[in-house]
Amino acid sequence: MDELRIAYYHPVRDFYISQDKTEIIHRLVDLGKYYFLSRPRRFGKSLLLSTIKALFEGRRELFDGLWVHDQWDWELKHPVIYLEHPQATYGDW
């Protein structure tokens, strides 16, 4: 599997080395309200959102050994609506 195409948290955690940025994500969730993720392609937007999704779904086992493991209230589960758009190009509109 091409490591640049991985967009979901659990395969990255299982098979690749990654930096623990869960403290930053925890602050993002606690302090913020709305965010517009304006980043170029291949800069980890999907990975960030799938990490937040896993947190909100209470998937504690994915975060063993990470900063957020002891900071997050795992008893609370939050509904997640995850919308993906198909690969479209300008000419498709």
C-alpha atoms as a PDB file:
ATOM      1  CA  MET A   1       0.000   0.000   0.000  1.00  0.00           C
ATOM      2  CA  ASP A   2       1.333   3.425  -0.929  1.00  0.00           C
ATOM      3  CA  GLU A   3       1.960   5.386   2.272  1.00  0.00           C
ATOM      4  CA  LEU A   4       0.914   8.653   0.589  1.00  0.00           C
ATOM      5  CA  ARG A   5      -2.544   7.274  -0.045  1.00  0.00           C
ATOM      6  CA  ILE A   6      -3.322   6.292   3.555  1.00  0.00           C
ATOM      7  CA  ALA A   7      -6.008   8.588   4.881  1.00  0.00           C
ATOM      8  CA  TYR A   8      -7.310   6.695   7.879  1.00  0.00           C
ATOM      9  CA  TYR A   9      -5.834   6.725  11.335  1.00  0.00           C
ATOM     10  CA  HIS A  10      -5.832   3.050  12.290  1.00  0.00           C
ATOM     11  CA  PRO A  11      -3.737   1.709   9.363  1.00  0.00           C
ATOM     12  CA  VAL A  12      -1.146   4.434   9.952  1.00  0.00           C
ATOM     13  CA  ARG A  13      -0.970   3.581  13.639  1.00  0.00           C
ATOM     14  CA  ASP A  14      -0.607  -0.136  12.887  1.00  0.00           C
ATOM     15  CA  PHE A  15       1.953  -0.084  10.088  1.00  0.00           C
ATOM     16  CA  TYR A  16       3.806   3.231   9.960  1.00  0.00           C
ATOM     17  CA  ILE A  17       5.806   5.457  12.256  1.00  0.00           C
ATOM     18  CA  SER A  18       3.905   8.627  13.076  1.00  0.00           C
ATOM     19  CA  GLN A  19       4.399  11.600  15.377  1.00  0.00           C
ATOM     20  CA  ASP A  20       1.989  11.954  18.293  1.00  0.00           C
ATOM     21  CA  LYS A  21       0.019  15.126  17.603  1.00  0.00           C
ATOM     22  CA  THR A  22      -2.955  14.181  19.768  1.00  0.00           C
ATOM     23  CA  GLU A  23      -2.239  16.980  22.261  1.00  0.00           C
ATOM     24  CA  ILE A  24      -2.674  19.520  19.476  1.00  0.00           C
ATOM     25  CA  ILE A  25      -5.842  17.781  18.273  1.00  0.00           C
ATOM     26  CA  HIS A  26      -7.218  17.773  21.841  1.00  0.00           C
ATOM     27  CA  ARG A  27      -6.640  21.545  22.098  1.00  0.00           C
ATOM     28  CA  LEU A  28      -8.187  22.041  18.653  1.00  0.00           C
ATOM     29  CA  VAL A  29     -11.342  20.198  19.729  1.00  0.00           C
ATOM     30  CA  ASP A  30     -11.568  21.834  23.179  1.00  0.00           C
ATOM     31  CA  LEU A  31     -10.856  25.442  22.251  1.00  0.00           C
ATOM     32  CA  GLY A  32     -12.271  25.799  18.773  1.00  0.00           C
ATOM     33  CA  LYS A  33     -15.662  26.026  17.226  1.00  0.00           C
ATOM     34  CA  TYR A  34     -15.294  26.113  13.424  1.00  0.00           C
ATOM     35  CA  TYR A  35     -12.274  25.447  11.270  1.00  0.00           C
ATOM     36  CA  PHE A  36     -11.598  25.760   7.586  1.00  0.00           C
ATOM     37  CA  LEU A  37      -8.845  23.340   6.576  1.00  0.00           C
ATOM     38  CA  SER A  38      -7.115  25.068   3.728  1.00  0.00           C
ATOM     39  CA  ARG A  39      -4.101  22.921   2.935  1.00  0.00           C
ATOM     40  CA  PRO A  40      -2.631  21.627  -0.309  1.00  0.00           C
ATOM     41  CA  ARG A  41      -3.211  18.069  -1.439  1.00  0.00           C
ATOM     42  CA  ARG A  42      -1.317  15.370   0.471  1.00  0.00           C
ATOM     43  CA  PHE A  43      -0.943  17.430   3.652  1.00  0.00           C
ATOM     44  CA  GLY A  44      -2.927  15.138   5.959  1.00  0.00           C
ATOM     45  CA  LYS A  45      -6.403  16.690   6.070  1.00  0.00           C
ATOM     46  CA  SER A  46      -8.132  13.312   5.776  1.00  0.00           C
ATOM     47  CA  LEU A  47      -5.814  11.733   8.335  1.00  0.00           C
ATOM     48  CA  LEU A  48      -6.515  14.575  10.783  1.00  0.00           C
ATOM     49  CA  LEU A  49     -10.270  14.211  10.355  1.00  0.00           C
ATOM     50  CA  SER A  50     -10.221  10.420  10.675  1.00  0.00           C
ATOM     51  CA  THR A  51      -8.200  10.810  13.894  1.00  0.00           C
ATOM     52  CA  ILE A  52     -10.805  13.213  15.277  1.00  0.00           C
ATOM     53  CA  LYS A  53     -13.547  10.822  14.141  1.00  0.00           C
ATOM     54  CA  ALA A  54     -11.886   7.932  16.020  1.00  0.00           C
ATOM     55  CA  LEU A  55     -11.694  10.104  19.153  1.00  0.00           C
ATOM     56  CA  PHE A  56     -15.358  11.096  18.946  1.00  0.00           C
ATOM     57  CA  GLU A  57     -16.398   7.491  18.393  1.00  0.00           C
ATOM     58  CA  GLY A  58     -14.546   6.514  21.563  1.00  0.00           C
ATOM     59  CA  ARG A  59     -12.080   4.125  19.921  1.00  0.00           C
ATOM     60  CA  ARG A  60      -9.755   4.159  22.913  1.00  0.00           C
ATOM     61  CA  GLU A  61      -7.696   1.153  21.804  1.00  0.00           C
ATOM     62  CA  LEU A  62      -6.319   3.145  18.865  1.00  0.00           C
ATOM     63  CA  PHE A  63      -4.756   5.700  21.197  1.00  0.00           C
ATOM     64  CA  ASP A  64      -2.857   3.432  23.617  1.00  0.00           C
ATOM     65  CA  GLY A  65       0.485   5.020  24.458  1.00  0.00           C
ATOM     66  CA  LEU A  66      -0.434   8.435  23.043  1.00  0.00           C
ATOM     67  CA  TRP A  67      -0.866  11.702  24.936  1.00  0.00           C
ATOM     68  CA  VAL A  68      -4.622  11.839  24.502  1.00  0.00           C
ATOM     69  CA  HIS A  69      -5.202   8.366  25.955  1.00  0.00           C
ATOM     70  CA  ASP A  70      -5.294   9.641  29.551  1.00  0.00           C
ATOM     71  CA  GLN A  71      -6.776  13.060  28.734  1.00  0.00           C
ATOM     72  CA  TRP A  72      -9.902  12.173  26.742  1.00  0.00           C
ATOM     73  CA  ASP A  73     -13.250  11.319  28.363  1.00  0.00           C
ATOM     74  CA  TRP A  74     -13.794   7.931  26.743  1.00  0.00           C
ATOM     75  CA  GLU A  75     -17.215   7.503  28.382  1.00  0.00           C
ATOM     76  CA  LEU A  76     -18.641  10.213  26.130  1.00  0.00           C
ATOM     77  CA  LYS A  77     -19.398   9.192  22.570  1.00  0.00           C
ATOM     78  CA  HIS A  78     -20.278  11.788  19.955  1.00  0.00           C
ATOM     79  CA  PRO A  79     -22.162  11.237  16.712  1.00  0.00           C
ATOM     80  CA  VAL A  80     -19.962  11.707  13.654  1.00  0.00           C
ATOM     81  CA  ILE A  81     -21.134  12.682  10.196  1.00  0.00           C
ATOM     82  CA  TYR A  82     -18.322  12.014   7.771  1.00  0.00           C
ATOM     83  CA  LEU A  83     -18.933  13.209   4.224  1.00  0.00           C
ATOM     84  CA  GLU A  84     -16.592  12.369   1.391  1.00  0.00           C
ATOM     85  CA  HIS A  85     -16.856  13.882  -2.033  1.00  0.00           C
ATOM     86  CA  PRO A  86     -15.993  11.898  -5.145  1.00  0.00           C
ATOM     87  CA  GLN A  87     -12.882  12.690  -7.127  1.00  0.00           C
ATOM     88  CA  ALA A  88     -14.125  15.434  -9.422  1.00  0.00           C
ATOM     89  CA  THR A  89     -12.260  17.740 -11.722  1.00  0.00           C
ATOM     90  CA  TYR A  90     -13.110  21.209 -12.924  1.00  0.00           C
ATOM     91  CA  GLY A  91     -14.403  19.883 -16.240  1.00  0.00           C
ATOM     92  CA  ASP A  92     -16.963  17.679 -14.442  1.00  0.00           C
ATOM     93  CA  TRP A  93     -18.952  20.670 -13.218  1.00  0.00           C
END
